[in-house]
Amino acid sequence: MLIHANPNELDADDFLHLGLDIAGFKNHRRHSYLKNITRYTSEYGSKPIVHATLFSDLKKLRQAQGNPNGGEIEGIDQNANPSHFLWACCWLKNYHNLVQMAGKFGRTEATCSKWIWFYVNKINELFGSKIVWR
């Protein structure tokens, strides 16, 4: 999967196109923006701007305070693969089993599990500091 941007500078459009590509919407560039947003949110649960912001925030959190679970939030590597983050978002939205996830993303169950749980735990660390219920 080619990402046509520096992984450190991904914006909402980058997430939109990357997400649609890995979800299997191969001709998404021929469709309207609204249709693509609808497809993206049905696959990943939120709009691309939300995911771009969360991914960026996770990269900025190296020694953040305010983790409600105690301890410090470590964040993620600056060169982290945004596809792995989207796998977790897809799993959180659709709750497929690992066999389905592996088939969908063309990876082994072990690889999917590793990255899904890595990012689910990282997203969970944002509760209280970035993610709040209103």
Protein backbone atom coordinates (compact mmCIF):
# COMPACT_ATOMS: atom_id res chain seq x y z
CA MET A 1 0.00 0.00 0.00
CA LEU A 2 1.51 3.29 -1.03
CA ILE A 3 0.96 6.33 1.12
CA HIS A 4 1.47 9.47 -0.90
CA ALA A 5 2.45 11.56 2.10
CA ASN A 6 5.05 11.58 4.82
CA PRO A 7 3.71 9.26 7.55
CA ASN A 8 4.37 12.07 10.02
CA GLU A 9 2.13 14.50 8.15
CA LEU A 10 -1.03 12.56 7.31
CA ASP A 11 -4.17 14.64 7.05
CA ALA A 12 -7.85 13.72 6.77
CA ASP A 13 -7.67 13.26 2.97
CA ASP A 14 -4.71 10.89 3.36
CA PHE A 15 -6.68 8.85 5.89
CA LEU A 16 -9.75 8.87 3.65
CA HIS A 17 -7.88 7.49 0.64
CA LEU A 18 -5.76 5.06 2.64
CA GLY A 19 -8.82 3.76 4.49
CA LEU A 20 -10.84 3.26 1.33
CA ASP A 21 -7.89 1.56 -0.39
CA ILE A 22 -7.33 -0.95 2.40
CA ALA A 23 -11.08 -1.56 2.76
CA GLY A 24 -11.20 -2.64 -0.88
CA PHE A 25 -12.88 0.38 -2.47
CA LYS A 26 -10.51 0.43 -5.44
CA ASN A 27 -12.33 3.01 -7.58
CA HIS A 28 -13.11 5.45 -4.80
CA ARG A 29 -11.40 8.37 -6.55
CA ARG A 30 -14.19 8.29 -9.15
CA HIS A 31 -16.92 8.76 -6.54
CA SER A 32 -18.13 11.85 -4.76
CA TYR A 33 -16.58 13.02 -1.53
CA LEU A 34 -19.86 12.42 0.32
CA LYS A 35 -20.10 8.83 -0.92
CA ASN A 36 -16.49 8.22 0.10
CA ILE A 37 -17.08 9.67 3.57
CA THR A 38 -20.13 7.42 3.95
CA ARG A 39 -18.10 4.36 2.94
CA TYR A 40 -15.22 5.33 5.22
CA THR A 41 -17.40 5.88 8.27
CA SER A 42 -19.30 2.64 7.68
CA GLU A 43 -15.97 0.83 7.71
CA TYR A 44 -14.08 2.70 10.47
CA GLY A 45 -16.79 4.33 12.60
CA SER A 46 -15.65 7.96 12.48
CA LYS A 47 -14.72 10.53 9.89
CA PRO A 48 -11.15 10.66 8.57
CA ILE A 49 -10.45 13.93 10.40
CA VAL A 50 -11.09 12.17 13.72
CA HIS A 51 -8.67 9.38 12.86
CA ALA A 52 -6.03 11.77 11.52
CA THR A 53 -6.25 13.76 14.75
CA LEU A 54 -6.13 10.67 17.00
CA PHE A 55 -3.19 9.23 15.09
CA SER A 56 -1.34 12.54 15.32
CA ASP A 57 -2.13 12.83 19.03
CA LEU A 58 -0.83 9.32 19.67
CA LYS A 59 2.44 10.27 18.02
CA LYS A 60 2.73 13.39 20.18
CA LEU A 61 2.11 11.53 23.44
CA ARG A 62 5.49 10.35 24.57
CA GLN A 63 5.37 11.38 28.22
CA ALA A 64 1.87 12.76 28.69
CA GLN A 65 0.17 13.08 32.02
CA GLY A 66 -3.44 12.48 32.85
CA ASN A 67 -3.80 8.77 32.16
CA PRO A 68 -6.86 7.72 34.20
CA ASN A 69 -5.50 4.16 34.40
CA GLY A 70 -2.39 5.35 36.19
CA GLY A 71 1.09 5.53 34.77
CA GLU A 72 2.16 7.49 31.74
CA ILE A 73 0.97 7.29 28.17
CA GLU A 74 3.85 6.31 25.95
CA GLY A 75 2.40 7.18 22.56
CA ILE A 76 3.49 5.59 19.30
CA ASP A 77 6.55 5.73 17.09
CA GLN A 78 6.84 8.69 14.72
CA ASN A 79 7.05 6.30 11.76
CA ALA A 80 4.07 4.17 12.82
CA ASN A 81 2.04 2.61 10.02
CA PRO A 82 -1.40 4.28 9.83
CA SER A 83 -2.83 1.14 8.20
CA HIS A 84 -2.39 -0.73 11.47
CA PHE A 85 -4.26 2.03 13.29
CA LEU A 86 -7.11 1.73 10.78
CA TRP A 87 -7.25 -2.04 11.31
CA ALA A 88 -8.00 -1.35 14.98
CA CYS A 89 -10.63 1.25 14.09
CA CYS A 90 -12.27 -1.22 11.70
CA TRP A 91 -12.29 -3.91 14.37
CA LEU A 92 -13.77 -1.53 16.95
CA LYS A 93 -16.51 -0.53 14.50
CA ASN A 94 -17.39 -3.92 13.00
CA TYR A 95 -16.02 -6.42 15.52
CA HIS A 96 -14.96 -8.99 12.93
CA ASN A 97 -13.12 -12.07 14.14
CA LEU A 98 -9.41 -12.43 13.40
CA VAL A 99 -9.96 -14.81 10.48
CA GLN A 100 -12.18 -12.20 8.81
CA MET A 101 -9.70 -9.40 9.58
CA ALA A 102 -6.80 -11.41 8.18
CA GLY A 103 -8.73 -12.12 4.98
CA LYS A 104 -9.83 -8.53 4.63
CA PHE A 105 -6.37 -7.04 5.10
CA GLY A 106 -4.28 -9.83 3.56
CA ARG A 107 -2.23 -10.52 6.68
CA THR A 108 -1.99 -13.38 9.17
CA GLU A 109 -4.28 -13.58 12.18
CA ALA A 110 -1.25 -13.08 14.44
CA THR A 111 -0.22 -9.87 12.65
CA CYS A 112 -3.77 -8.50 12.74
CA SER A 113 -4.14 -9.38 16.40
CA LYS A 114 -0.81 -7.78 17.32
CA TRP A 115 -1.63 -4.44 15.74
CA ILE A 116 -5.33 -4.35 16.56
CA TRP A 117 -4.65 -4.86 20.28
CA PHE A 118 -1.69 -2.50 20.24
CA TYR A 119 -3.86 0.33 18.93
CA VAL A 120 -6.96 -0.57 20.94
CA ASN A 121 -4.82 -0.22 24.07
CA LYS A 122 -3.32 3.06 22.83
CA ILE A 123 -6.77 4.48 22.04
CA ASN A 124 -7.97 3.35 25.48
CA GLU A 125 -5.14 5.35 27.06
CA LEU A 126 -6.62 8.51 25.53
CA PHE A 127 -9.84 8.23 27.58
CA GLY A 128 -9.92 11.02 30.09
CA SER A 129 -7.28 13.13 28.40
CA LYS A 130 -8.50 13.31 24.77
CA ILE A 131 -11.68 11.25 24.57
CA VAL A 132 -14.48 12.48 26.81
CA TRP A 133 -18.17 11.55 26.99
CA ARG A 134 -20.60 14.45 27.00
